Each structure stands twice: as C-alpha cells, then as structure tokens.
C-alpha atoms as a PDB file:
ATOM      1  CA  MET A   1      18.860  -2.298  13.436  1.00  0.00           C
ATOM      2  CA  GLY A   2      15.989  -3.185  15.190  1.00  0.00           C
ATOM      3  CA  ASN A   3      16.343  -2.928  18.514  1.00  0.00           C
ATOM      4  CA  GLU A   4      15.311  -6.736  19.190  1.00  0.00           C
ATOM      5  CA  VAL A   5      14.452  -7.566  22.593  1.00  0.00           C
ATOM      6  CA  PRO A   6      16.053 -11.077  24.359  1.00  0.00           C
ATOM      7  CA  ALA A   7      13.492 -13.929  24.162  1.00  0.00           C
ATOM      8  CA  GLU A   8      13.393 -13.760  28.525  1.00  0.00           C
ATOM      9  CA  ASP A   9      11.590  -9.826  28.265  1.00  0.00           C
ATOM     10  CA  LEU A  10       9.230 -11.162  25.777  1.00  0.00           C
ATOM     11  CA  ASP A  11       6.508 -12.024  28.309  1.00  0.00           C
ATOM     12  CA  GLY A  12       3.990  -9.770  29.148  1.00  0.00           C
ATOM     13  CA  MET A  13       3.927  -8.604  25.350  1.00  0.00           C
ATOM     14  CA  SER A  14       1.022  -8.501  22.978  1.00  0.00           C
ATOM     15  CA  LYS A  15       1.489 -11.644  19.992  1.00  0.00           C
ATOM     16  CA  LEU A  16       2.338  -8.264  17.924  1.00  0.00           C
ATOM     17  CA  ASP A  17       4.694  -6.480  20.014  1.00  0.00           C
ATOM     18  CA  GLN A  18       6.582 -10.074  20.154  1.00  0.00           C
ATOM     19  CA  ILE A  19       7.074 -10.439  16.399  1.00  0.00           C
ATOM     20  CA  LEU A  20       7.983  -6.676  15.905  1.00  0.00           C
ATOM     21  CA  SER A  21      10.277  -6.943  19.070  1.00  0.00           C
ATOM     22  CA  GLN A  22      12.473  -9.744  17.179  1.00  0.00           C
ATOM     23  CA  HIS A  23      12.595  -8.702  14.211  1.00  0.00           C
ATOM     24  CA  SER A  24      14.651  -5.875  12.079  1.00  0.00           C
ATOM     25  CA  GLU A  25      13.092  -6.706   8.508  1.00  0.00           C
ATOM     26  CA  LEU A  26       9.872  -8.106   7.707  1.00  0.00           C
ATOM     27  CA  ARG A  27       8.602  -8.929   3.860  1.00  0.00           C
ATOM     28  CA  ILE A  28       5.066  -8.528   3.079  1.00  0.00           C
ATOM     29  CA  HIS A  29       3.862 -10.780  -0.194  1.00  0.00           C
ATOM     30  CA  GLN A  30       0.372  -9.998  -1.661  1.00  0.00           C
ATOM     31  CA  LYS A  31      -1.452 -13.269  -2.432  1.00  0.00           C
ATOM     32  CA  LEU A  32      -2.254 -14.348  -5.992  1.00  0.00           C
ATOM     33  CA  ASN A  33      -5.456 -14.291  -7.233  1.00  0.00           C
ATOM     34  CA  LEU A  34      -6.482 -16.376  -9.965  1.00  0.00           C
ATOM     35  CA  LEU A  35     -10.011 -14.526 -10.948  1.00  0.00           C
ATOM     36  CA  GLU A  36      -8.755 -11.464 -10.709  1.00  0.00           C
ATOM     37  CA  ALA A  37      -5.542 -12.210 -12.632  1.00  0.00           C
ATOM     38  CA  VAL A  38      -7.641 -13.964 -15.595  1.00  0.00           C
ATOM     39  CA  THR A  39      -9.974 -11.090 -15.806  1.00  0.00           C
ATOM     40  CA  GLN A  40      -7.427  -8.424 -15.695  1.00  0.00           C
ATOM     41  CA  GLY A  41      -8.986  -6.826 -12.519  1.00  0.00           C
ATOM     42  CA  CYS A  42     -12.744  -6.957 -14.147  1.00  0.00           C
ATOM     43  CA  CYS A  43     -13.241  -9.161 -10.770  1.00  0.00           C
ATOM     44  CA  GLU A  44     -11.789  -7.031  -8.771  1.00  0.00           C
ATOM     45  CA  GLN A  45     -10.902  -9.483  -5.638  1.00  0.00           C
ATOM     46  CA  GLN A  46     -10.520  -8.761  -2.188  1.00  0.00           C
ATOM     47  CA  ASN A  47      -6.537  -8.385  -0.969  1.00  0.00           C
ATOM     48  CA  GLY A  48      -4.574 -10.901   1.051  1.00  0.00           C
ATOM     49  CA  TYR A  49      -1.094 -10.501   2.545  1.00  0.00           C
ATOM     50  CA  HIS A  50       1.165 -13.040   3.834  1.00  0.00           C
ATOM     51  CA  ILE A  51       3.500 -10.938   6.339  1.00  0.00           C
ATOM     52  CA  MET A  52       6.845 -13.105   6.433  1.00  0.00           C
ATOM     53  CA  ALA A  53      10.804 -12.770   8.592  1.00  0.00           C
ATOM     54  CA  ALA A  54      13.171 -11.823   6.035  1.00  0.00           C
ATOM     55  CA  ASP A  55      15.744 -14.532   6.819  1.00  0.00           C
ATOM     56  CA  ASP A  56      13.901 -17.617   6.502  1.00  0.00           C
ATOM     57  CA  GLU A  57      10.643 -16.590   5.216  1.00  0.00           C
ATOM     58  CA  SER A  58       8.345 -17.821   8.156  1.00  0.00           C
ATOM     59  CA  LEU A  59       4.533 -16.832   8.168  1.00  0.00           C
ATOM     60  CA  LEU A  60       3.999 -14.860  10.742  1.00  0.00           C
ATOM     61  CA  LEU A  61       1.201 -12.623  10.041  1.00  0.00           C
ATOM     62  CA  ASP A  62      -1.812 -12.347   7.663  1.00  0.00           C
ATOM     63  CA  ALA A  63      -3.771  -9.436   6.061  1.00  0.00           C
ATOM     64  CA  LYS A  64      -7.137  -9.603   5.058  1.00  0.00           C
ATOM     65  CA  GLU A  65      -9.039  -6.619   2.925  1.00  0.00           C
ATOM     66  CA  VAL A  66     -12.620  -6.938   3.950  1.00  0.00           C
ATOM     67  CA  SER A  67     -14.407  -4.068   1.435  1.00  0.00           C
ATOM     68  CA  ASN A  68     -17.434  -3.258  -0.402  1.00  0.00           C
ATOM     69  CA  GLY A  69     -17.870  -5.758  -4.117  1.00  0.00           C
ATOM     70  CA  CYS A  70     -19.409  -2.955  -5.704  1.00  0.00           C
ATOM     71  CA  ALA A  71     -17.064  -0.316  -4.266  1.00  0.00           C
ATOM     72  CA  ARG A  72     -14.036  -2.839  -5.037  1.00  0.00           C
ATOM     73  CA  CYS A  73     -15.597  -3.254  -8.603  1.00  0.00           C
ATOM     74  CA  CYS A  74     -16.124   0.584  -9.874  1.00  0.00           C
ATOM     75  CA  CYS A  75     -13.216   2.529  -7.674  1.00  0.00           C
ATOM     76  CA  ALA A  76     -10.731   0.768  -7.263  1.00  0.00           C
ATOM     77  CA  PRO A  77      -7.568   0.771  -5.796  1.00  0.00           C
ATOM     78  CA  LEU A  78      -9.370   4.385  -5.009  1.00  0.00           C
ATOM     79  CA  HIS A  79     -11.852   2.388  -2.813  1.00  0.00           C
ATOM     80  CA  SER A  80     -12.814   2.713   0.808  1.00  0.00           C
ATOM     81  CA  THR A  81     -11.482  -0.121   2.240  1.00  0.00           C
ATOM     82  CA  MET A  82     -10.780  -2.038   5.776  1.00  0.00           C
ATOM     83  CA  VAL A  83      -7.339  -4.223   6.399  1.00  0.00           C
ATOM     84  CA  TYR A  84      -7.247  -6.686   9.371  1.00  0.00           C
ATOM     85  CA  ILE A  85      -3.534  -8.075  10.387  1.00  0.00           C
ATOM     86  CA  HIS A  86      -4.378 -11.265  12.246  1.00  0.00           C
ATOM     87  CA  ASP A  87      -2.705 -14.193  13.805  1.00  0.00           C
ATOM     88  CA  PRO A  88      -2.119 -16.617  10.903  1.00  0.00           C
ATOM     89  CA  GLN A  89      -2.656 -19.785  14.236  1.00  0.00           C
ATOM     90  CA  THR A  90      -5.282 -17.922  16.397  1.00  0.00           C
ATOM     91  CA  LYS A  91      -7.076 -15.933  13.517  1.00  0.00           C
ATOM     92  CA  GLU A  92      -6.848 -13.238  16.241  1.00  0.00           C
ATOM     93  CA  ASN A  93      -7.136  -9.580  14.543  1.00  0.00           C
ATOM     94  CA  LEU A  94      -4.002  -7.634  16.034  1.00  0.00           C
ATOM     95  CA  LEU A  95      -4.438  -4.361  13.954  1.00  0.00           C
ATOM     96  CA  THR A  96      -7.226  -2.617  12.250  1.00  0.00           C
ATOM     97  CA  LEU A  97      -6.346  -0.452   9.379  1.00  0.00           C
ATOM     98  CA  GLU A  98      -9.706   2.182   8.500  1.00  0.00           C
ATOM     99  CA  ARG A  99      -8.960   3.006   4.557  1.00  0.00           C
ATOM    100  CA  PRO A 100     -12.072   5.672   3.721  1.00  0.00           C
ATOM    101  CA  GLY A 101     -12.188   6.060   0.023  1.00  0.00           C
ATOM    102  CA  CYS A 102     -14.402   6.453  -2.874  1.00  0.00           C
ATOM    103  CA  ALA A 103     -17.018   4.148  -2.110  1.00  0.00           C
ATOM    104  CA  PHE A 104     -20.432   3.513  -4.164  1.00  0.00           C
ATOM    105  CA  PRO A 105     -22.813   5.412  -4.409  1.00  0.00           C
ATOM    106  CA  MET A 106     -21.840   8.000  -2.524  1.00  0.00           C
ATOM    107  CA  PRO A 107     -18.338   8.833  -2.126  1.00  0.00           C
ATOM    108  CA  GLN A 108     -16.202   9.678   1.231  1.00  0.00           C
ATOM    109  CA  LYS A 109     -13.207  10.782  -0.511  1.00  0.00           C
ATOM    110  CA  PHE A 110     -12.617  12.342  -4.089  1.00  0.00           C
ATOM    111  CA  LEU A 111      -9.631  10.450  -4.732  1.00  0.00           C
ATOM    112  CA  GLY A 112      -6.882  10.170  -7.810  1.00  0.00           C
ATOM    113  CA  CYS A 113      -6.959  13.946  -8.358  1.00  0.00           C
ATOM    114  CA  CYS A 114      -4.910  16.938  -7.202  1.00  0.00           C
ATOM    115  CA  ILE A 115      -5.098  17.316  -3.823  1.00  0.00           C
ATOM    116  CA  CYS A 116      -6.590  20.672  -2.977  1.00  0.00           C
ATOM    117  CA  CYS A 117      -8.463  19.918   0.280  1.00  0.00           C
ATOM    118  CA  ASP A 118      -9.131  17.080   2.843  1.00  0.00           C
ATOM    119  CA  SER A 119     -11.513  15.597   1.339  1.00  0.00           C
ATOM    120  CA  CYS A 120      -9.085  14.893  -1.598  1.00  0.00           C
ATOM    121  CA  LYS A 121      -6.259  13.266   0.315  1.00  0.00           C
ATOM    122  CA  ASP A 122      -5.659   9.714   0.800  1.00  0.00           C
ATOM    123  CA  GLY A 123      -4.748   8.202   4.084  1.00  0.00           C
ATOM    124  CA  LEU A 124      -5.356   5.552   6.537  1.00  0.00           C
ATOM    125  CA  THR A 125      -6.341   5.770  10.366  1.00  0.00           C
ATOM    126  CA  VAL A 126      -4.802   2.508  12.733  1.00  0.00           C
ATOM    127  CA  TYR A 127      -6.652   1.330  15.387  1.00  0.00           C
ATOM    128  CA  GLU A 128      -5.458  -2.111  18.134  1.00  0.00           C
ATOM    129  CA  GLY A 129      -7.323  -4.969  18.344  1.00  0.00           C
ATOM    130  CA  GLU A 130     -10.293  -5.650  16.110  1.00  0.00           C
ATOM    131  CA  VAL A 131     -12.904  -2.911  15.420  1.00  0.00           C
ATOM    132  CA  MET A 132     -15.724  -4.041  12.981  1.00  0.00           C
ATOM    133  CA  GLY A 133     -17.451  -1.603  10.674  1.00  0.00           C
ATOM    134  CA  GLN A 134     -17.623   0.208   7.583  1.00  0.00           C
ATOM    135  CA  PRO A 135     -14.493   2.452   6.665  1.00  0.00           C
ATOM    136  CA  GLY A 136     -16.037   5.932   7.950  1.00  0.00           C
ATOM    137  CA  ASP A 137     -18.677   3.984  10.430  1.00  0.00           C
ATOM    138  CA  LEU A 138     -17.199   2.333  13.071  1.00  0.00           C
ATOM    139  CA  GLN A 139     -18.778   0.709  16.089  1.00  0.00           C
ATOM    140  CA  GLY A 140     -17.713   1.763  18.772  1.00  0.00           C
ATOM    141  CA  PRO A 141     -13.936   2.585  17.544  1.00  0.00           C
ATOM    142  CA  PRO A 142     -11.311   3.287  20.060  1.00  0.00           C
ATOM    143  CA  PRO A 143      -9.043   5.690  20.550  1.00  0.00           C
ATOM    144  CA  PRO A 144      -6.729   4.975  17.013  1.00  0.00           C
ATOM    145  CA  LEU A 145      -2.850   4.185  17.538  1.00  0.00           C
ATOM    146  CA  PHE A 146      -1.859   6.909  14.709  1.00  0.00           C
ATOM    147  CA  SER A 147      -3.045   7.860  11.522  1.00  0.00           C
ATOM    148  CA  PHE A 148      -1.941   8.637   7.961  1.00  0.00           C
ATOM    149  CA  GLN A 149      -2.713  12.040   5.704  1.00  0.00           C
ATOM    150  CA  GLN A 150      -1.068  13.155   2.223  1.00  0.00           C
ATOM    151  CA  GLN A 151       0.382  16.428   2.474  1.00  0.00           C
ATOM    152  CA  MET A 152      -1.684  19.432   1.019  1.00  0.00           C
ATOM    153  CA  PHE A 153      -0.868  18.837  -3.016  1.00  0.00           C
ATOM    154  CA  GLY A 154       0.641  15.437  -2.474  1.00  0.00           C
ATOM    155  CA  GLY A 155       3.878  17.082  -1.507  1.00  0.00           C
ATOM    156  CA  GLY A 156       4.870  18.509  -4.715  1.00  0.00           C
ATOM    157  CA  CYS A 157       6.563  16.359  -6.881  1.00  0.00           C
ATOM    158  CA  ARG A 158       6.948  13.960  -4.462  1.00  0.00           C
ATOM    159  CA  PRO A 159       4.659  12.326  -2.835  1.00  0.00           C
ATOM    160  CA  LYS A 160       4.403  12.861   0.995  1.00  0.00           C
ATOM    161  CA  ILE A 161       2.766  11.665   3.804  1.00  0.00           C
ATOM    162  CA  ASP A 162       2.427  12.788   7.040  1.00  0.00           C
ATOM    163  CA  VAL A 163       2.206  10.724  10.112  1.00  0.00           C
ATOM    164  CA  PHE A 164      -0.229  11.505  13.059  1.00  0.00           C
ATOM    165  CA  THR A 165      -0.620   9.815  16.620  1.00  0.00           C
ATOM    166  CA  GLY A 166      -4.443   9.794  17.145  1.00  0.00           C
ATOM    167  CA  LYS A 167      -6.371  11.158  14.558  1.00  0.00           C
ATOM    168  CA  ALA A 168      -5.216  13.482  11.394  1.00  0.00           C
ATOM    169  CA  GLU A 169      -4.160  16.406  11.982  1.00  0.00           C
ATOM    170  CA  SER A 170      -5.173  15.897  16.119  1.00  0.00           C
ATOM    171  CA  SER A 171      -1.455  17.131  16.476  1.00  0.00           C
ATOM    172  CA  SER A 172       1.825  18.027  15.194  1.00  0.00           C
ATOM    173  CA  ALA A 173       3.166  15.268  12.269  1.00  0.00           C
ATOM    174  CA  THR A 174       5.322  12.913  14.055  1.00  0.00           C
ATOM    175  CA  HIS A 175       6.980  11.463  11.190  1.00  0.00           C
ATOM    176  CA  VAL A 176       6.953  11.908   7.303  1.00  0.00           C
ATOM    177  CA  ILE A 177       7.034   9.118   4.815  1.00  0.00           C
ATOM    178  CA  THR A 178       8.440  10.146   1.571  1.00  0.00           C
ATOM    179  CA  GLY A 179       8.790   8.678  -1.899  1.00  0.00           C
ATOM    180  CA  PRO A 180      10.263   8.557  -5.255  1.00  0.00           C
ATOM    181  CA  ALA A 181       8.659  10.971  -7.907  1.00  0.00           C
ATOM    182  CA  CYS A 182       8.846   7.854 -10.505  1.00  0.00           C
ATOM    183  CA  TRP A 183       7.918   4.523  -9.824  1.00  0.00           C
ATOM    184  CA  GLY A 184       5.773   1.851 -11.759  1.00  0.00           C
ATOM    185  CA  GLY A 185       5.088   0.803 -14.933  1.00  0.00           C
ATOM    186  CA  CYS A 186       7.781  -1.495 -16.433  1.00  0.00           C
ATOM    187  CA  SER A 187      10.805   0.063 -14.302  1.00  0.00           C
ATOM    188  CA  GLU A 188       9.046  -2.217 -11.629  1.00  0.00           C
ATOM    189  CA  LEU A 189      10.727  -5.199 -13.057  1.00  0.00           C
ATOM    190  CA  CYS A 190      14.453  -3.731 -12.400  1.00  0.00           C
ATOM    191  CA  CYS A 191      14.207  -0.603 -10.421  1.00  0.00           C
ATOM    192  CA  VAL A 192      13.276  -0.826  -6.530  1.00  0.00           C
ATOM    193  CA  ASN A 193      11.371   2.239  -5.094  1.00  0.00           C
ATOM    194  CA  THR A 194      12.206   3.039  -1.650  1.00  0.00           C
ATOM    195  CA  TYR A 195       9.964   5.168   0.455  1.00  0.00           C
ATOM    196  CA  THR A 196      11.461   6.253   3.465  1.00  0.00           C
ATOM    197  CA  MET A 197       9.879   7.144   7.243  1.00  0.00           C
ATOM    198  CA  ASP A 198      11.669  10.117   9.105  1.00  0.00           C
ATOM    199  CA  ASN A 199      11.376  11.778  12.501  1.00  0.00           C
ATOM    200  CA  ALA A 200      10.812  14.882  13.288  1.00  0.00           C
ATOM    201  CA  GLN A 201      14.483  15.225  13.443  1.00  0.00           C
ATOM    202  CA  GLY A 202      14.724  14.333   9.930  1.00  0.00           C
ATOM    203  CA  ARG A 203      16.398  10.897  11.128  1.00  0.00           C
ATOM    204  CA  THR A 204      15.329   7.620   9.119  1.00  0.00           C
ATOM    205  CA  VAL A 205      13.585   5.452  11.355  1.00  0.00           C
ATOM    206  CA  ALA A 206      11.946   2.877   8.991  1.00  0.00           C
ATOM    207  CA  GLU A 207      11.742   2.189   4.737  1.00  0.00           C
ATOM    208  CA  VAL A 208       9.371   0.188   2.661  1.00  0.00           C
ATOM    209  CA  VAL A 209      10.791  -0.907  -0.407  1.00  0.00           C
ATOM    210  CA  HIS A 210       8.816  -2.522  -3.549  1.00  0.00           C
ATOM    211  CA  LEU A 211      11.183  -5.111  -4.516  1.00  0.00           C
ATOM    212  CA  THR A 212      11.439  -6.154  -8.121  1.00  0.00           C
ATOM    213  CA  PRO A 213      10.875  -9.949  -9.253  1.00  0.00           C
ATOM    214  CA  LYS A 214      13.807 -12.760  -9.064  1.00  0.00           C
ATOM    215  CA  THR A 215      12.522 -15.348 -10.620  1.00  0.00           C
ATOM    216  CA  LEU A 216      10.581 -16.230 -14.069  1.00  0.00           C
ATOM    217  CA  PRO A 217       7.022 -16.555 -12.644  1.00  0.00           C
ATOM    218  CA  ASP A 218       7.453 -13.620 -10.250  1.00  0.00           C
ATOM    219  CA  VAL A 219       7.905 -11.320 -13.509  1.00  0.00           C
ATOM    220  CA  VAL A 220       4.588 -13.144 -15.797  1.00  0.00           C
ATOM    221  CA  LYS A 221       2.780 -12.000 -12.027  1.00  0.00           C
ATOM    222  CA  GLU A 222       4.141  -8.214 -11.772  1.00  0.00           C
ATOM    223  CA  ILE A 223       3.050  -7.627 -15.729  1.00  0.00           C
ATOM    224  CA  CYS A 224       0.171  -9.246 -15.330  1.00  0.00           C
ATOM    225  CA  THR A 225      -1.408  -8.804 -12.076  1.00  0.00           C
ATOM    226  CA  ASP A 226      -1.032  -6.335  -9.612  1.00  0.00           C
ATOM    227  CA  THR A 227       0.514  -8.927  -7.134  1.00  0.00           C
ATOM    228  CA  ASP A 228       3.669  -6.943  -4.966  1.00  0.00           C
ATOM    229  CA  LYS A 229       6.026  -7.881  -2.671  1.00  0.00           C
ATOM    230  CA  PHE A 230       7.384  -5.237   0.335  1.00  0.00           C
ATOM    231  CA  LYS A 231      10.328  -5.257   2.169  1.00  0.00           C
ATOM    232  CA  VAL A 232       9.793  -3.320   5.225  1.00  0.00           C
ATOM    233  CA  SER A 233      13.391  -2.437   7.585  1.00  0.00           C
ATOM    234  CA  PHE A 234      13.682  -0.969  10.698  1.00  0.00           C
ATOM    235  CA  GLN A 235      16.200   0.787  12.014  1.00  0.00           C
ATOM    236  CA  ASN A 236      16.781   1.635  15.794  1.00  0.00           C
ATOM    237  CA  CYS A 237      12.586   2.811  16.446  1.00  0.00           C
ATOM    238  CA  SER A 238      10.665   2.110  18.714  1.00  0.00           C
ATOM    239  CA  LEU A 239       7.302  -0.641  18.438  1.00  0.00           C
ATOM    240  CA  THR A 240       5.371   2.061  17.827  1.00  0.00           C
ATOM    241  CA  GLU A 241       7.484   3.274  14.759  1.00  0.00           C
ATOM    242  CA  LYS A 242       7.593  -0.692  13.899  1.00  0.00           C
ATOM    243  CA  LYS A 243       4.021  -0.778  13.982  1.00  0.00           C
ATOM    244  CA  THR A 244       3.791   2.453  11.903  1.00  0.00           C
ATOM    245  CA  ALA A 245       6.225   1.692   8.806  1.00  0.00           C
ATOM    246  CA  LEU A 246       4.150  -1.849   8.877  1.00  0.00           C
ATOM    247  CA  SER A 247       0.648  -0.167   8.328  1.00  0.00           C
ATOM    248  CA  ALA A 248       1.923   1.975   5.477  1.00  0.00           C
ATOM    249  CA  ALA A 249       3.258  -0.402   3.590  1.00  0.00           C
ATOM    250  CA  PHE A 250      -0.246  -1.629   2.706  1.00  0.00           C
ATOM    251  CA  LEU A 251      -1.509   2.216   2.150  1.00  0.00           C
ATOM    252  CA  LEU A 252       0.891   2.742  -0.083  1.00  0.00           C
ATOM    253  CA  ASP A 253       0.394  -0.583  -2.005  1.00  0.00           C
ATOM    254  CA  TYR A 254      -2.848   0.581  -2.889  1.00  0.00           C
ATOM    255  CA  MET A 255      -1.963   4.154  -3.379  1.00  0.00           C
ATOM    256  CA  PHE A 256       0.934   3.414  -5.749  1.00  0.00           C
ATOM    257  CA  PHE A 257       1.025  -0.427  -6.871  1.00  0.00           C
ATOM    258  CA  GLU A 258      -2.825  -1.664  -6.967  1.00  0.00           C
ATOM    259  CA  MET A 259      -3.075  -0.529 -11.106  1.00  0.00           C
ATOM    260  CA  ASP A 260      -4.979  -3.666 -12.833  1.00  0.00           C
ATOM    261  CA  ASN A 261      -2.661  -3.475 -16.097  1.00  0.00           C
ATOM    262  CA  GLY A 262       0.045  -1.296 -14.831  1.00  0.00           C
ATOM    263  CA  MET A 263       2.553  -2.072 -17.065  1.00  0.00           C
ATOM    264  CA  LEU A 264       0.515  -3.735 -20.728  1.00  0.00           C
ATOM    265  CA  ALA A 265      -2.920  -2.777 -21.260  1.00  0.00           C
ATOM    266  CA  CYS A 266      -4.891  -4.168 -24.482  1.00  0.00           C
ATOM    267  CA  LYS A 267      -7.740  -1.910 -25.991  1.00  0.00           C
ATOM    268  CA  GLY A 268     -10.244  -4.000 -28.166  1.00  0.00           C
ATOM    269  CA  PHE A 269      -7.451  -5.816 -29.934  1.00  0.00           C
ATOM    270  CA  LYS A 270      -6.681  -2.718 -32.035  1.00  0.00           C
ATOM    271  CA  GLN A 271      -3.867  -0.712 -29.382  1.00  0.00           C
ATOM    272  CA  LEU A 272      -1.423  -1.780 -26.840  1.00  0.00           C
ATOM    273  CA  ASP A 273      -0.382   0.357 -24.012  1.00  0.00           C
ATOM    274  CA  ILE A 274       2.791   0.133 -22.966  1.00  0.00           C
ATOM    275  CA  THR A 275       3.223   1.834 -19.586  1.00  0.00           C
ATOM    276  CA  CYS A 276       7.188   3.053 -18.934  1.00  0.00           C
ATOM    277  CA  PHE A 277       6.804   4.391 -15.868  1.00  0.00           C
ATOM    278  CA  PHE A 278       4.457   6.911 -13.149  1.00  0.00           C
ATOM    279  CA  CYS A 279       5.147  10.131 -11.923  1.00  0.00           C
ATOM    280  CA  PHE A 280       3.519  12.298  -9.533  1.00  0.00           C
ATOM    281  CA  CYS A 281       2.519  15.521  -9.621  1.00  0.00           C
ATOM    282  CA  PHE A 282       0.932  17.451  -6.808  1.00  0.00           C
ATOM    283  CA  GLY A 283      -1.234  14.356  -6.152  1.00  0.00           C
ATOM    284  CA  CYS A 284      -1.922  13.349  -9.424  1.00  0.00           C
ATOM    285  CA  ILE A 285      -0.441   9.922 -10.805  1.00  0.00           C
ATOM    286  CA  CYS A 286       0.774  10.772 -14.743  1.00  0.00           C
ATOM    287  CA  PRO A 287       1.907   7.948 -17.118  1.00  0.00           C
ATOM    288  CA  CYS A 288       4.149   7.975 -19.509  1.00  0.00           C
ATOM    289  CA  LYS A 289       3.185   5.281 -21.639  1.00  0.00           C
ATOM    290  CA  ILE A 290       4.031   4.218 -25.553  1.00  0.00           C
ATOM    291  CA  SER A 291       1.160   3.329 -27.463  1.00  0.00           C
ATOM    292  CA  LEU A 292       1.151   0.681 -30.413  1.00  0.00           C
ATOM    293  CA  GLN A 293      -2.474   1.027 -32.884  1.00  0.00           C
ATOM    294  CA  LYS A 294      -3.211  -1.464 -35.396  1.00  0.00           C
ATOM    295  CA  GLY A 295      -4.899   0.364 -38.046  1.00  0.00           C
ATOM    296  CA  GLU A 296      -5.983  -0.345 -41.543  1.00  0.00           C
ATOM    297  CA  GLY A 297      -2.805   1.195 -43.251  1.00  0.00           C
ATOM    298  CA  GLY A 298      -0.616   0.257 -40.414  1.00  0.00           C
ATOM    299  CA  GLY A 299       0.141   2.402 -37.444  1.00  0.00           C
ATOM    300  CA  GLY A 300       2.934   3.789 -35.660  1.00  0.00           C
ATOM    301  CA  PRO A 301       3.657   3.828 -32.106  1.00  0.00           C
ATOM    302  CA  ALA A 302       2.744   7.345 -29.917  1.00  0.00           C
ATOM    303  CA  THR A 303       4.488   8.253 -27.042  1.00  0.00           C
ATOM    304  CA  GLU A 304       2.225   9.707 -24.082  1.00  0.00           C
END
C-alpha cells in the first residue's frame, strides 16, 4: 500500500506531494533518442524521462537531464549532471537532482573504480523546487531534502547506497538501498532487477525495479540502446520516502543501466562482444562476456 490520501485532503499540498499521495506505484520510461541510437552512443544526448501512473500509464511528471556536452560525450555514464523533475503542463520544476561526477577537463569525482575514499563514491543530492548552476557549483541552493552516497567499497559484493537527511554523512543514514550482485547485459531481456530501500529498522519501504521488455520493439530498443523502464513501488511509506525512492531510480539508472552497447558491441567489424551480465565487486563493475572474433583462419569464441 502507498498511504493514498483522500482527495479532500490534497488542498494545500504541492503538485508533487499530490501526485505521490495518490499513487502506490509509478512507472519511469526513458525517452528514446534516435541520434544516440543511430550513432551507438558516439553522440551522447541528454536523457529525458516520462513518469507515469502504473495503472493507466497517464503522464504525471517529466524529467530532463541538463549536463555539459564534453563531459557527457567523454565520461558518460559517469558524468556530472543535473536532473529536473517538472510538471509537464506548467513546466514548473518540482525537484532538482544534483549528481557530481566525472567532468571535463577536471573531474569532481573519480567514479567507476574500487571505492576506497569519498572522491570515488557515486551519489546524488536532491533539492525541492528549481536550483540552477552546475553540479558542485549551485547558485544559492537551499538546504537539501536528502542525499545518496555509496558505501565504502560499494557495500561489498552487492551494491549498497546510504540515504541521508540533508547532506551526505551529515548524520546517520536513515535508509539503505541494496541491489543485486549480477544484473544487466543480455540478462535484461528476461530478468528483472530489484533494488530495495530499507529503513533503519530493516523494513522495506520501497522498491525500484528495472523492467524487462514486453514487446518486440521493446526488445530491439533494449538491445540497441540504453533506453530503460523502471517501476517504483511504495510500501506504507511517507511522502519524503516516496520522493527518496523516486529520486533513487534516476541515480540507479545512471550507475547501472546507462551503458551504451551494454549487450552487443561490434569492434572494427572483426569482433563481436556479447555481454551476458555484469557483476558488482567492491564498487567495480565487471562484465561477463563472450567475444566472437573473425580471423584469417577462422576464430572461436572467447569468454571473459
């Protein structure tokens, strides 16, 4: 259950609170970018998302990435970015998501490696309303609502992300998000990947689920692009916890599912890499893949 609020009690709430109060489950559909798909990620574009009701898929909210083109093309998906969640009718920004990451030419973070210090931890800071500026250099930001930060060494063999009230590590973590040890690659075609958000007492209050494709066009998009679909479900949680779970879905997308050619990669028309799945190990993402090579005398598959 999502603690839905009766319609007569919605007066005085913000637009975002009204939407979250009336839904126990949301769907997030990433928009397909044709230029990025045709170039197989060489022309990395800013992500866009539709946030919809789970029952009738009516559009509730939109989300749009704002990032530097050089950082995006050179460092994606580890790049610094801002994501604005806004009302599709009024275009009013309701939430601002700040992700300091790899930047060009000077990185703010050193992501994608074994997490042994704070500068290697991926994370996200969430503000209410619209906050302008670049990641790490915002213009007069208000106090953040909450923030996310990876645990030291990534949490071990399963990714773990701590949730804090306000700035990261300003207090003890109020929640922890835990994901699967293996995910992605060709396994995305048949296996859902569930990330649970548990409170300090160990009770699951929300889940973010990366969905499998249901139709042939969705299968083609899954193979050829990094376009993804998520389900966010709430289980007897507060409005703040709902905002936290919704925001977490975007961080999880960037961290684990924004890999161009995540399933198939052709290298110089001489080698085809088929990624079966990825494994998480102390912050590092390790692919398990099969390489098919074309040689003068023929070639057999090699497994990594």
